[in-house]
Amino acid sequence: MRRGIEAIGELTGEIRSRRQGGQRMAEILRFLHEQGADSDCIRQYLRAAFFVPPSEVTRLRTMDLSLVPETFEKWGAMLDEALREPGQEWQSAPPMPVLMSREHHSAFKEAAVSSDCCIIVCGADPAGGAYLGRSGFRVALPGLPAWPRRDGPNQGLLAVDPGDARLAAELQAAGRTYDELVDDLKSRGFQVAPAADGFLLRDAFAQAFYPPYRLHGVYSFEGANGWTPQAGPRLMAELNLRLGDDLIQAGPHDAWEFRNDPRAGPLAGPQPPVVAFEPSGSVKPLPDLDAMKEFYQGWSIDWDAIYPPPPGSEPEEESD
């Protein structure tokens, strides 16, 4: 089975790492070919990973990936030359968003086509996907004051780590101390592991939590909110059925009444990176705020109505 553009976040990170590790572009082209990417997908990967100039990407349209390895050497040499240009912005670019598993890409993609809506999903840590369906682990409850660990031990699972900047910001916004939070969790039957276990959060039955997905937005073709009181529950049920777990537990962030409230802490404001699944079947990773704004504009979604600019800020001028 050939891998399509829905794996772009995962493979973009991989080929960036390979390039930073010293691999030539010929080797990277060969790697993408071995993953089942066709010429169209390879062009997408190169644009996303390295900001390859359009002129160089256009040249790849004539590339026949069924040819002998010398083909990779030819095109790889051209790309090596293109990437020697000053700037190298890709090395400091934000990571491309990924989901917990490749199967989940297909689930969201199929649901977007079926519902005739654009489904925008916040990026997730693939490490959390390792615990799906395993005994001793369960999807997190909505509103738990805990954050997925970004590194070991127990990467991808929810923890109450006092050194996590996201938790610190949440506590500051709520006006709570760490000790007050831990005491509250324990009074509700939760367990907080010691530092050696990464302050892992468990329930009364010693089950650890992996995070659910967070929807960022659901929109119709007209740019209207597609998460209505009637359609929202149906889409949630369909998504969870396709995902094989209750990984959607709330409506989209764009419709959340506290999305612009400073008391929401790290959850205030837009939440890039995200992946947009369009009803046409297209999948578009949006790694940063600028990419999100441009995408919303293309869908006739009023970004400033959802996320009003701060008072006193100048509105962005539209380019001619």
Protein backbone atom coordinates (compact mmCIF):
# COMPACT_ATOMS: atom_id res chain seq x y z
CA MET A 1 0.00 0.00 0.00
CA ARG A 2 1.47 3.33 -1.06
CA ARG A 3 1.69 6.00 1.59
CA GLY A 4 -0.06 9.23 0.71
CA ILE A 5 0.17 12.79 1.86
CA GLU A 6 -1.72 12.03 5.08
CA ALA A 7 1.61 10.84 6.55
CA ILE A 8 3.27 14.15 5.76
CA GLY A 9 3.77 15.24 9.37
CA GLU A 10 5.46 12.00 10.33
CA LEU A 11 7.73 11.78 7.28
CA THR A 12 8.55 15.48 7.28
CA GLY A 13 10.10 15.17 10.72
CA GLU A 14 11.96 12.05 9.64
CA ILE A 15 13.53 13.53 6.52
CA ARG A 16 14.44 16.76 8.32
CA SER A 17 16.28 14.67 10.91
CA ARG A 18 18.03 12.71 8.17
CA ARG A 19 19.14 15.91 6.43
CA GLN A 20 20.39 17.42 9.68
CA GLY A 21 22.27 14.17 10.26
CA GLY A 22 24.18 14.70 7.02
CA GLN A 23 22.23 12.63 4.49
CA ARG A 24 22.35 13.72 0.86
CA MET A 25 19.09 14.49 -0.92
CA ALA A 26 19.60 11.45 -3.16
CA GLU A 27 19.41 9.26 -0.07
CA ILE A 28 16.32 11.10 1.14
CA LEU A 29 14.60 10.69 -2.24
CA ARG A 30 15.38 6.99 -2.14
CA PHE A 31 13.97 6.76 1.41
CA LEU A 32 10.71 8.46 0.37
CA HIS A 33 10.42 6.16 -2.62
CA GLU A 34 10.87 3.14 -0.33
CA GLN A 35 8.01 4.45 1.83
CA GLY A 36 5.71 4.26 -1.19
CA ALA A 37 5.53 8.00 -1.92
CA ASP A 38 4.86 8.88 -5.55
CA SER A 39 6.13 11.98 -7.35
CA ASP A 40 3.22 14.18 -6.19
CA CYS A 41 3.72 13.19 -2.57
CA ILE A 42 7.49 13.67 -2.78
CA ARG A 43 6.98 17.23 -4.03
CA GLN A 44 4.69 17.86 -1.07
CA TYR A 45 7.20 16.42 1.38
CA LEU A 46 10.05 18.50 -0.02
CA ARG A 47 8.02 21.72 0.08
CA ALA A 48 6.87 21.04 3.63
CA ALA A 49 10.19 19.84 5.02
CA PHE A 50 12.74 22.07 3.31
CA PHE A 51 10.79 24.92 1.70
CA VAL A 52 12.30 23.80 -1.61
CA PRO A 53 11.99 26.61 -4.21
CA PRO A 54 9.05 26.12 -6.58
CA SER A 55 11.42 26.01 -9.56
CA GLU A 56 13.23 23.01 -8.10
CA VAL A 57 10.00 21.27 -7.11
CA THR A 58 8.63 21.76 -10.63
CA ARG A 59 11.61 19.91 -12.06
CA LEU A 60 10.57 16.82 -10.11
CA ARG A 61 7.39 16.55 -12.17
CA THR A 62 9.39 14.87 -14.91
CA MET A 63 10.99 12.42 -12.50
CA ASP A 64 10.10 8.77 -13.11
CA LEU A 65 10.50 6.99 -9.77
CA SER A 66 10.59 3.62 -11.48
CA LEU A 67 13.99 4.39 -12.99
CA VAL A 68 17.36 3.16 -11.77
CA PRO A 69 19.04 4.64 -8.66
CA GLU A 70 21.03 7.03 -10.86
CA THR A 71 17.82 9.04 -11.16
CA PHE A 72 17.91 9.76 -7.44
CA GLU A 73 21.53 10.88 -7.77
CA LYS A 74 20.65 13.29 -10.58
CA TRP A 75 17.72 14.96 -8.85
CA GLY A 76 19.34 14.72 -5.44
CA ALA A 77 22.36 16.67 -6.66
CA MET A 78 20.09 19.46 -7.93
CA LEU A 79 18.27 19.61 -4.61
CA ASP A 80 21.52 19.59 -2.65
CA GLU A 81 22.53 22.67 -4.62
CA ALA A 82 19.16 24.36 -4.02
CA LEU A 83 19.40 23.75 -0.28
CA ARG A 84 22.83 25.36 -0.10
CA GLU A 85 21.19 28.74 -0.50
CA PRO A 86 21.53 30.98 2.61
CA GLY A 87 18.74 31.10 5.13
CA GLN A 88 17.98 27.45 5.70
CA GLU A 89 14.72 28.45 7.39
CA TRP A 90 13.57 24.85 7.53
CA GLN A 91 16.08 24.09 10.30
CA SER A 92 14.23 26.39 12.72
CA ALA A 93 10.73 25.77 11.34
CA PRO A 94 8.00 24.50 13.67
CA PRO A 95 7.40 20.75 13.57
CA MET A 96 4.70 19.45 11.28
CA PRO A 97 1.65 18.16 13.18
CA VAL A 98 1.13 14.42 13.51
CA LEU A 99 -1.54 12.18 15.04
CA MET A 100 -1.25 9.16 17.32
CA SER A 101 -1.34 6.65 14.47
CA ARG A 102 -1.55 6.45 10.68
CA GLU A 103 -4.90 4.69 10.99
CA HIS A 104 -6.26 7.79 12.71
CA HIS A 105 -5.37 9.89 9.68
CA SER A 106 -7.62 7.65 7.63
CA ALA A 107 -10.39 7.83 10.25
CA PHE A 108 -10.49 11.64 10.26
CA LYS A 109 -10.16 11.79 6.48
CA GLU A 110 -13.09 9.40 5.96
CA ALA A 111 -15.22 11.24 8.53
CA ALA A 112 -14.58 14.57 6.80
CA VAL A 113 -15.69 13.13 3.47
CA SER A 114 -18.70 11.40 5.02
CA SER A 115 -19.87 14.45 6.98
CA ASP A 116 -19.09 16.90 4.15
CA CYS A 117 -17.25 19.08 6.66
CA CYS A 118 -13.73 20.29 7.19
CA ILE A 119 -12.41 18.74 10.41
CA ILE A 120 -9.42 20.49 11.98
CA VAL A 121 -7.58 18.45 14.61
CA CYS A 122 -4.85 19.53 17.01
CA GLY A 123 -1.57 17.70 16.57
CA ALA A 124 -0.87 14.86 19.00
CA ASP A 125 2.12 12.98 20.36
CA PRO A 126 2.46 9.62 18.58
CA ALA A 127 3.89 8.25 21.83
CA GLY A 128 0.37 8.28 23.26
CA GLY A 129 -0.75 5.93 20.51
CA ALA A 130 1.45 3.16 21.93
CA TYR A 131 -1.00 2.76 24.83
CA LEU A 132 -4.24 2.58 22.86
CA GLY A 133 -6.23 -0.53 23.73
CA ARG A 134 -3.68 -1.79 26.25
CA SER A 135 -4.66 -3.08 29.67
CA GLY A 136 -3.89 -0.62 32.45
CA PHE A 137 -4.40 2.45 30.25
CA ARG A 138 -7.46 4.47 29.33
CA VAL A 139 -8.36 7.66 27.52
CA ALA A 140 -8.23 10.71 29.77
CA LEU A 141 -11.37 12.21 31.24
CA PRO A 142 -12.37 15.69 30.01
CA GLY A 143 -10.91 18.54 32.03
CA LEU A 144 -8.21 16.62 33.89
CA PRO A 145 -5.56 19.11 35.09
CA ALA A 146 -2.67 17.10 33.70
CA TRP A 147 -0.52 17.21 30.57
CA PRO A 148 1.05 14.51 28.36
CA ARG A 149 4.71 13.93 29.08
CA ARG A 150 6.92 15.07 26.20
CA ASP A 151 9.79 12.81 27.20
CA GLY A 152 10.52 9.80 29.39
CA PRO A 153 9.59 8.25 31.62
CA ASN A 154 6.09 7.42 30.36
CA GLN A 155 6.18 9.76 27.37
CA GLY A 156 2.71 10.41 25.94
CA LEU A 157 0.84 9.69 29.18
CA LEU A 158 -0.79 12.32 31.37
CA ALA A 159 1.29 13.55 34.28
CA VAL A 160 1.17 16.20 36.98
CA ASP A 161 4.77 17.29 36.66
CA PRO A 162 5.60 20.45 38.64
CA GLY A 163 8.35 21.17 36.14
CA ASP A 164 6.00 21.20 33.15
CA ALA A 165 5.60 24.79 31.91
CA ARG A 166 2.09 24.04 30.63
CA LEU A 167 0.92 22.91 34.05
CA ALA A 168 2.62 25.87 35.71
CA ALA A 169 0.82 28.27 33.37
CA GLU A 170 -2.49 26.52 34.02
CA LEU A 171 -2.04 26.76 37.78
CA GLN A 172 -1.06 30.42 37.56
CA ALA A 173 -4.10 31.23 35.45
CA ALA A 174 -6.35 29.40 37.92
CA GLY A 175 -4.71 30.93 40.99
CA ARG A 176 -3.84 27.52 42.48
CA THR A 177 -0.69 26.03 43.93
CA TYR A 178 0.76 22.69 42.92
CA ASP A 179 0.14 21.22 46.36
CA GLU A 180 -3.49 22.31 46.23
CA LEU A 181 -3.88 20.58 42.89
CA VAL A 182 -2.35 17.32 44.11
CA ASP A 183 -4.48 17.35 47.26
CA ASP A 184 -7.60 17.91 45.17
CA LEU A 185 -6.72 15.04 42.82
CA LYS A 186 -6.06 12.66 45.69
CA SER A 187 -9.36 13.62 47.34
CA ARG A 188 -11.09 12.56 44.10
CA GLY A 189 -9.41 9.15 44.08
CA PHE A 190 -6.52 9.86 41.71
CA GLN A 191 -2.91 8.87 42.35
CA VAL A 192 0.15 10.97 41.49
CA ALA A 193 3.31 8.93 41.03
CA PRO A 194 6.70 10.05 42.37
CA ALA A 195 9.29 11.87 40.25
CA ALA A 196 10.99 8.60 39.27
CA ASP A 197 7.81 7.67 37.36
CA GLY A 198 7.41 11.13 35.88
CA PHE A 199 4.57 12.22 38.22
CA LEU A 200 2.26 9.94 36.25
CA LEU A 201 -1.45 10.37 36.96
CA ARG A 202 -3.50 7.22 37.61
CA ASP A 203 -7.10 6.59 38.58
CA ALA A 204 -8.32 4.66 41.63
CA PHE A 205 -7.74 1.40 39.74
CA ALA A 206 -4.13 2.33 38.93
CA GLN A 207 -4.92 2.96 35.27
CA ALA A 208 -2.81 5.61 33.54
CA PHE A 209 -4.28 8.05 31.01
CA TYR A 210 -3.43 8.78 27.40
CA PRO A 211 -4.85 12.03 26.00
CA PRO A 212 -7.88 12.26 23.72
CA TYR A 213 -7.77 14.24 20.52
CA ARG A 214 -8.73 17.89 20.59
CA LEU A 215 -10.83 19.14 17.71
CA HIS A 216 -9.89 22.68 16.75
CA GLY A 217 -12.74 23.38 14.37
CA VAL A 218 -15.49 21.78 12.27
CA TYR A 219 -16.80 23.81 9.32
CA SER A 220 -19.20 23.57 6.42
CA PHE A 221 -18.31 24.75 2.94
CA GLU A 222 -19.71 28.19 3.70
CA GLY A 223 -17.31 28.63 6.61
CA ALA A 224 -20.11 28.13 9.13
CA ASN A 225 -19.65 26.19 12.33
CA GLY A 226 -20.40 22.56 11.51
CA TRP A 227 -20.59 21.44 15.15
CA THR A 228 -24.26 22.19 15.73
CA PRO A 229 -26.36 20.67 18.55
CA GLN A 230 -27.69 18.17 16.01
CA ALA A 231 -24.58 17.43 13.94
CA GLY A 232 -21.99 17.57 16.71
CA PRO A 233 -23.04 14.45 18.66
CA ARG A 234 -23.44 12.49 15.42
CA LEU A 235 -19.96 13.44 14.24
CA MET A 236 -18.48 12.62 17.65
CA ALA A 237 -20.07 9.16 17.56
CA GLU A 238 -18.86 8.57 14.00
CA LEU A 239 -15.31 9.68 14.79
CA ASN A 240 -15.06 7.54 17.91
CA LEU A 241 -16.39 4.54 15.99
CA ARG A 242 -13.80 5.05 13.27
CA LEU A 243 -11.01 5.70 15.79
CA GLY A 244 -11.91 2.61 17.81
CA ASP A 245 -11.91 4.46 21.14
CA ASP A 246 -13.61 7.45 22.78
CA LEU A 247 -10.86 9.78 21.63
CA ILE A 248 -13.22 12.67 20.89
CA GLN A 249 -14.78 13.85 24.12
CA ALA A 250 -15.61 17.50 23.49
CA GLY A 251 -16.61 19.91 20.79
CA PRO A 252 -14.13 22.03 18.83
CA HIS A 253 -11.87 24.59 20.42
CA ASP A 254 -13.13 27.32 18.07
CA ALA A 255 -16.62 26.94 19.59
CA TRP A 256 -15.47 26.79 23.22
CA GLU A 257 -16.79 29.76 25.17
CA PHE A 258 -13.55 30.17 27.15
CA ARG A 259 -11.18 29.95 24.17
CA ASN A 260 -10.12 33.59 24.59
CA ASP A 261 -10.24 33.70 28.40
CA PRO A 262 -6.80 34.20 30.00
CA ARG A 263 -7.97 31.90 32.80
CA ALA A 264 -7.78 29.05 30.26
CA GLY A 265 -4.00 29.26 30.60
CA PRO A 266 -2.15 27.42 27.79
CA LEU A 267 -5.51 26.58 26.18
CA ALA A 268 -6.35 30.24 25.55
CA GLY A 269 -6.23 31.30 21.91
CA PRO A 270 -5.58 29.20 18.80
CA GLN A 271 -3.67 25.95 19.27
CA PRO A 272 -1.29 25.21 16.39
CA PRO A 273 -0.05 22.91 15.02
CA VAL A 274 -3.16 21.33 13.53
CA VAL A 275 -4.14 19.01 10.68
CA ALA A 276 -7.07 19.97 8.44
CA PHE A 277 -9.09 17.18 6.84
CA GLU A 278 -11.21 18.53 4.00
CA PRO A 279 -14.40 16.94 2.60
CA SER A 280 -12.63 16.62 -0.75
CA GLY A 281 -10.25 14.12 0.86
CA SER A 282 -7.34 16.56 1.00
CA VAL A 283 -5.22 16.60 4.15
CA LYS A 284 -3.35 19.79 5.03
CA PRO A 285 -0.92 20.07 7.94
CA LEU A 286 -0.87 23.60 9.37
CA PRO A 287 2.23 23.97 11.54
CA ASP A 288 1.85 27.53 12.78
CA LEU A 289 -0.47 30.47 13.28
CA ASP A 290 0.19 32.01 9.86
CA ALA A 291 -0.67 28.75 8.11
CA MET A 292 -3.87 28.45 10.13
CA LYS A 293 -4.97 32.01 9.35
CA GLU A 294 -4.36 31.51 5.64
CA PHE A 295 -6.30 28.24 5.66
CA TYR A 296 -9.24 29.75 7.54
CA GLN A 297 -9.34 32.65 5.10
CA GLY A 298 -9.46 30.19 2.19
CA TRP A 299 -12.49 28.58 3.81
CA SER A 300 -14.22 31.97 4.33
CA ILE A 301 -13.94 31.55 8.10
CA ASP A 302 -13.79 34.85 9.97
CA TRP A 303 -10.62 34.37 12.01
CA ASP A 304 -10.90 37.74 13.81
CA ALA A 305 -14.45 36.93 14.91
CA ILE A 306 -13.23 33.73 16.55
CA TYR A 307 -9.95 35.12 17.89
CA PRO A 308 -10.30 38.90 18.13
CA PRO A 309 -7.01 40.80 17.97
CA PRO A 310 -5.86 42.34 21.26
CA PRO A 311 -7.22 45.84 21.96
CA GLY A 312 -5.10 48.51 20.35
CA SER A 313 -3.47 46.17 17.83
CA GLU A 314 -3.46 47.18 14.19
CA PRO A 315 -5.50 44.95 11.83
CA GLU A 316 -3.45 43.16 9.22
CA GLU A 317 -3.45 44.84 5.83
CA GLU A 318 -4.62 42.74 2.93
CA SER A 319 -2.10 42.36 0.17
CA ASP A 320 -3.06 43.34 -3.37
